[in-house]
């Protein structure tokens, strides 16, 4: 119980100190607003970025294609016809008439 009594005594002393200060100075001097507002730079509207013109349109250049190195083509190969020998016809025997 003694702890509570000490706590109450401290709170009572704090309240009495506050009461004495308020009796010594019954009015509280409020801070007065400044007579002139602080000097600030003027507010300017936000700047828009400059308009950028698109580059002049030029037709796209075709890619450079290098021709392949010249390689001669082989001659066209056509199948040769088979060699056909004429048929061998035996000569008739010569008959001598006397």
N, C-alpha and C. Protein backbone atom coordinates (compact mmCIF):
# COMPACT_ATOMS: atom_id res chain seq x y z
N UNK A 1 0.82 -1.18 0.00
CA UNK A 1 0.00 0.00 0.00
C UNK A 1 0.87 1.25 0.00
N UNK A 2 2.06 1.12 0.57
CA UNK A 2 2.94 2.28 0.65
C UNK A 2 3.38 2.72 -0.74
N UNK A 3 3.53 1.74 -1.67
CA UNK A 3 3.93 2.10 -3.04
C UNK A 3 2.87 2.98 -3.68
N UNK A 4 1.62 2.67 -3.46
CA UNK A 4 0.54 3.48 -4.05
C UNK A 4 0.52 4.87 -3.45
N UNK A 5 0.81 4.97 -2.15
CA UNK A 5 0.82 6.29 -1.51
C UNK A 5 1.93 7.15 -2.08
N UNK A 6 3.10 6.55 -2.37
CA UNK A 6 4.22 7.31 -2.93
C UNK A 6 3.86 7.77 -4.34
N UNK A 7 3.22 6.91 -5.12
CA UNK A 7 2.83 7.28 -6.47
C UNK A 7 1.82 8.41 -6.45
N UNK A 8 0.86 8.35 -5.53
CA UNK A 8 -0.15 9.42 -5.44
C UNK A 8 0.49 10.73 -5.00
N UNK A 9 1.47 10.66 -4.12
CA UNK A 9 2.15 11.87 -3.67
C UNK A 9 2.90 12.53 -4.82
N UNK A 10 3.58 11.73 -5.65
CA UNK A 10 4.30 12.29 -6.80
C UNK A 10 3.34 12.95 -7.79
N UNK A 11 2.22 12.33 -8.05
CA UNK A 11 1.24 12.92 -8.97
C UNK A 11 0.67 14.20 -8.38
N UNK A 12 0.42 14.23 -7.09
CA UNK A 12 -0.11 15.43 -6.44
C UNK A 12 0.90 16.58 -6.52
N UNK A 13 2.19 16.28 -6.30
CA UNK A 13 3.22 17.33 -6.38
C UNK A 13 3.33 17.87 -7.81
N UNK A 14 3.22 16.99 -8.79
CA UNK A 14 3.28 17.43 -10.19
C UNK A 14 2.11 18.35 -10.51
N UNK A 15 0.94 17.98 -10.04
CA UNK A 15 -0.23 18.82 -10.28
C UNK A 15 -0.12 20.16 -9.56
N UNK A 16 0.45 20.16 -8.37
CA UNK A 16 0.61 21.43 -7.64
C UNK A 16 1.60 22.34 -8.35
N UNK A 17 2.68 21.74 -8.92
CA UNK A 17 3.65 22.56 -9.67
C UNK A 17 3.00 23.19 -10.89
N UNK A 18 2.17 22.46 -11.55
CA UNK A 18 1.48 22.99 -12.72
C UNK A 18 0.50 24.08 -12.30
N UNK A 19 -0.15 23.90 -11.16
CA UNK A 19 -1.10 24.90 -10.66
C UNK A 19 -0.38 26.20 -10.31
N UNK A 20 0.79 26.10 -9.67
CA UNK A 20 1.55 27.30 -9.32
C UNK A 20 1.98 28.07 -10.57
N UNK A 21 2.42 27.36 -11.61
CA UNK A 21 2.85 28.03 -12.84
C UNK A 21 1.66 28.74 -13.48
N UNK A 22 0.50 28.10 -13.51
CA UNK A 22 -0.66 28.73 -14.15
C UNK A 22 -1.16 29.92 -13.33
N UNK A 23 -0.97 29.91 -12.00
CA UNK A 23 -1.37 31.07 -11.20
C UNK A 23 -0.40 32.23 -11.40
N UNK A 24 0.90 31.91 -11.58
CA UNK A 24 1.88 32.97 -11.77
C UNK A 24 1.69 33.66 -13.12
N UNK A 25 1.29 32.92 -14.12
CA UNK A 25 1.09 33.48 -15.46
C UNK A 25 -0.28 33.03 -15.93
N UNK A 26 -1.35 33.78 -15.61
CA UNK A 26 -2.70 33.31 -15.91
C UNK A 26 -3.03 33.24 -17.41
N UNK A 27 -2.34 34.03 -18.20
CA UNK A 27 -2.62 33.98 -19.65
C UNK A 27 -1.42 33.34 -20.35
N UNK A 28 -1.70 32.59 -21.33
CA UNK A 28 -0.62 31.93 -22.07
C UNK A 28 -0.35 32.75 -23.32
N UNK A 29 0.86 33.23 -23.44
CA UNK A 29 1.14 34.00 -24.66
C UNK A 29 1.27 33.05 -25.86
N UNK A 30 0.33 33.18 -26.75
CA UNK A 30 0.37 32.35 -27.95
C UNK A 30 1.40 32.93 -28.91
N UNK A 31 2.03 32.12 -29.66
CA UNK A 31 2.99 32.67 -30.63
C UNK A 31 2.24 33.48 -31.69
N UNK A 32 2.72 34.67 -31.94
CA UNK A 32 2.05 35.53 -32.92
C UNK A 32 2.49 35.13 -34.32
N UNK A 33 1.57 35.19 -35.25
CA UNK A 33 1.97 34.85 -36.61
C UNK A 33 2.89 35.93 -37.17
N UNK A 34 3.77 35.60 -38.05
CA UNK A 34 4.67 36.62 -38.60
C UNK A 34 3.88 37.67 -39.38
N UNK A 35 4.38 38.91 -39.33
CA UNK A 35 3.66 39.99 -39.99
C UNK A 35 3.72 39.85 -41.51
N UNK A 36 4.84 39.39 -42.05
CA UNK A 36 4.96 39.20 -43.49
C UNK A 36 5.20 37.72 -43.76
N UNK A 37 4.58 37.21 -44.77
CA UNK A 37 4.85 35.81 -45.09
C UNK A 37 6.28 35.67 -45.60
N UNK A 38 6.87 34.54 -45.41
CA UNK A 38 8.24 34.36 -45.89
C UNK A 38 8.29 34.50 -47.42
N UNK A 39 9.40 35.04 -47.88
CA UNK A 39 9.53 35.28 -49.31
C UNK A 39 9.85 33.96 -50.01
N UNK A 40 8.95 33.59 -50.91
CA UNK A 40 9.11 32.35 -51.66
C UNK A 40 9.18 32.68 -53.14
N UNK A 41 9.85 31.87 -53.91
CA UNK A 41 9.86 32.14 -55.36
C UNK A 41 8.45 31.95 -55.92
N UNK A 42 8.09 32.70 -56.95
CA UNK A 42 6.73 32.58 -57.48
C UNK A 42 6.50 31.19 -58.07
N UNK A 43 5.27 30.76 -57.90
CA UNK A 43 4.92 29.43 -58.43
C UNK A 43 4.69 29.56 -59.92
N UNK A 44 5.37 28.73 -60.67
CA UNK A 44 5.23 28.75 -62.12
C UNK A 44 4.49 27.49 -62.54
N UNK A 45 3.72 27.60 -63.63
CA UNK A 45 3.06 26.37 -64.09
C UNK A 45 4.13 25.37 -64.55
N UNK A 46 3.82 24.10 -64.47
CA UNK A 46 4.83 23.11 -64.86
C UNK A 46 5.18 23.25 -66.34
N UNK A 47 6.45 23.13 -66.64
CA UNK A 47 6.90 23.26 -68.02
C UNK A 47 6.61 21.96 -68.76
N UNK A 48 6.14 22.15 -69.98
CA UNK A 48 5.93 20.99 -70.83
C UNK A 48 7.24 20.69 -71.55
N UNK A 49 7.54 19.44 -71.76
CA UNK A 49 8.77 19.15 -72.51
C UNK A 49 8.63 19.66 -73.94
N UNK A 50 9.72 20.05 -74.56
CA UNK A 50 9.60 20.56 -75.93
C UNK A 50 9.14 19.46 -76.88
N UNK A 51 8.35 19.88 -77.87
CA UNK A 51 7.85 18.91 -78.82
C UNK A 51 8.98 18.49 -79.74
N UNK A 52 9.13 17.21 -79.90
CA UNK A 52 10.20 16.68 -80.73
C UNK A 52 9.59 16.26 -82.06
N UNK A 53 10.14 16.81 -83.14
CA UNK A 53 9.63 16.44 -84.46
C UNK A 53 10.20 15.08 -84.84
N UNK A 54 9.39 14.24 -85.45
CA UNK A 54 9.94 12.96 -85.89
C UNK A 54 10.92 13.19 -87.03
N UNK A 55 11.89 12.34 -87.20
CA UNK A 55 12.85 12.53 -88.29
C UNK A 55 12.14 12.40 -89.63
N UNK A 56 12.66 13.05 -90.67
CA UNK A 56 12.01 12.94 -91.98
C UNK A 56 12.00 11.49 -92.43
N UNK A 57 10.87 11.14 -93.01
CA UNK A 57 10.71 9.73 -93.41
C UNK A 57 11.46 9.47 -94.70
N UNK A 58 12.28 8.49 -94.71
CA UNK A 58 12.96 8.06 -95.93
C UNK A 58 12.65 6.58 -96.11
N UNK A 59 12.51 6.16 -97.36
CA UNK A 59 12.16 4.74 -97.56
C UNK A 59 13.27 3.85 -97.02
N UNK A 60 12.90 2.73 -96.49
CA UNK A 60 13.94 1.85 -95.93
C UNK A 60 14.84 1.32 -97.04
N UNK A 61 16.10 1.24 -96.74
CA UNK A 61 17.07 0.74 -97.71
C UNK A 61 17.05 -0.78 -97.68
N UNK A 62 17.04 -1.40 -98.86
CA UNK A 62 17.08 -2.86 -98.85
C UNK A 62 18.44 -3.34 -98.37
N UNK A 63 18.48 -4.49 -97.77
CA UNK A 63 19.77 -4.99 -97.29
C UNK A 63 20.70 -5.29 -98.47
N UNK A 64 21.96 -5.08 -98.24
CA UNK A 64 22.95 -5.34 -99.28
C UNK A 64 23.17 -6.84 -99.36
N UNK A 65 22.93 -7.37 -100.56
CA UNK A 65 23.09 -8.81 -100.75
C UNK A 65 24.28 -9.01 -101.68
N UNK A 66 25.28 -9.71 -101.23
CA UNK A 66 26.45 -9.98 -102.06
C UNK A 66 26.16 -11.22 -102.90
N UNK A 67 26.45 -11.12 -104.20
CA UNK A 67 26.21 -12.32 -105.01
C UNK A 67 27.21 -13.41 -104.64
N UNK A 68 26.81 -14.65 -104.74
CA UNK A 68 27.75 -15.72 -104.40
C UNK A 68 28.87 -15.77 -105.44
N UNK A 69 30.01 -16.31 -105.09
CA UNK A 69 31.09 -16.40 -106.08
C UNK A 69 30.67 -17.26 -107.27
N UNK A 70 31.20 -16.89 -108.44
CA UNK A 70 30.80 -17.59 -109.67
C UNK A 70 31.37 -19.01 -109.67
N UNK A 71 30.49 -19.95 -109.81
CA UNK A 71 30.88 -21.35 -109.92
C UNK A 71 30.30 -21.85 -111.23
N UNK A 72 31.15 -22.26 -112.20
CA UNK A 72 30.58 -22.71 -113.49
C UNK A 72 29.74 -23.96 -113.29
N UNK A 73 28.66 -23.98 -114.03
CA UNK A 73 27.77 -25.13 -113.93
C UNK A 73 28.32 -26.26 -114.81
N UNK A 74 28.18 -27.48 -114.38
CA UNK A 74 28.61 -28.58 -115.25
C UNK A 74 27.67 -28.66 -116.46
N UNK A 75 28.17 -29.14 -117.58
CA UNK A 75 27.30 -29.21 -118.76
C UNK A 75 26.15 -30.17 -118.48
N UNK A 76 25.03 -29.87 -119.08
CA UNK A 76 23.91 -30.79 -118.83
C UNK A 76 24.23 -32.18 -119.37
N UNK A 77 23.97 -33.13 -118.60
CA UNK A 77 24.29 -34.50 -119.02
C UNK A 77 23.01 -35.17 -119.50
N UNK A 78 23.06 -35.59 -120.76
CA UNK A 78 21.92 -36.33 -121.30
C UNK A 78 22.41 -37.75 -121.57
N UNK A 79 21.62 -38.70 -121.30
CA UNK A 79 22.10 -40.07 -121.53
C UNK A 79 22.34 -40.32 -123.04
N UNK A 80 23.46 -40.91 -123.33
CA UNK A 80 23.78 -41.21 -124.73
C UNK A 80 22.99 -42.45 -125.16
N UNK A 81 22.57 -42.44 -126.40
CA UNK A 81 21.85 -43.64 -126.86
C UNK A 81 22.82 -44.82 -126.99
N UNK A 82 22.34 -45.98 -126.80
CA UNK A 82 23.25 -47.13 -126.91
C UNK A 82 23.77 -47.30 -128.35
N UNK A 83 24.96 -47.78 -128.41
CA UNK A 83 25.56 -48.01 -129.73
C UNK A 83 24.91 -49.24 -130.34
N UNK A 84 24.33 -49.03 -131.50
CA UNK A 84 23.66 -50.14 -132.18
C UNK A 84 24.46 -50.44 -133.46
N UNK A 85 25.00 -51.64 -133.56
CA UNK A 85 25.74 -52.05 -134.77
C UNK A 85 24.73 -52.62 -135.78
N UNK A 86 25.00 -52.37 -137.05
CA UNK A 86 24.06 -52.96 -138.03
C UNK A 86 24.14 -54.49 -138.00
N UNK A 87 23.08 -55.09 -138.30
CA UNK A 87 23.11 -56.56 -138.25
C UNK A 87 24.02 -57.13 -139.37
N UNK A 88 24.61 -58.16 -139.00
CA UNK A 88 25.50 -58.82 -139.97
C UNK A 88 24.63 -59.75 -140.83
N UNK A 89 24.61 -59.42 -142.11
CA UNK A 89 23.82 -60.26 -143.03
C UNK A 89 24.84 -61.05 -143.89
N UNK A 90 24.78 -62.33 -143.84
CA UNK A 90 25.73 -63.09 -144.65
C UNK A 90 25.42 -62.94 -146.15
N UNK A 91 26.48 -62.84 -146.92
CA UNK A 91 26.30 -62.69 -148.36
C UNK A 91 25.91 -64.07 -148.93
N UNK A 92 25.09 -64.03 -149.90
CA UNK A 92 24.74 -65.33 -150.49
C UNK A 92 25.95 -65.89 -151.28
N UNK A 93 26.03 -67.13 -151.31
CA UNK A 93 27.17 -67.70 -152.05
C UNK A 93 27.06 -67.38 -153.56
N UNK A 94 28.20 -67.19 -154.13
CA UNK A 94 28.22 -66.89 -155.57
C UNK A 94 28.18 -68.24 -156.32
N UNK A 95 27.24 -68.30 -157.14
CA UNK A 95 27.10 -69.54 -157.93
C UNK A 95 27.51 -69.20 -159.38
N UNK A 96 28.49 -70.03 -159.96
CA UNK A 96 28.95 -69.79 -161.32
C UNK A 96 28.19 -70.71 -162.26
N UNK A 97 27.66 -70.21 -163.20
CA UNK A 97 26.93 -71.00 -164.19
C UNK A 97 27.82 -71.19 -165.43
N UNK A 98 27.93 -72.42 -165.81
CA UNK A 98 28.73 -72.71 -166.97
C UNK A 98 27.93 -73.22 -168.07
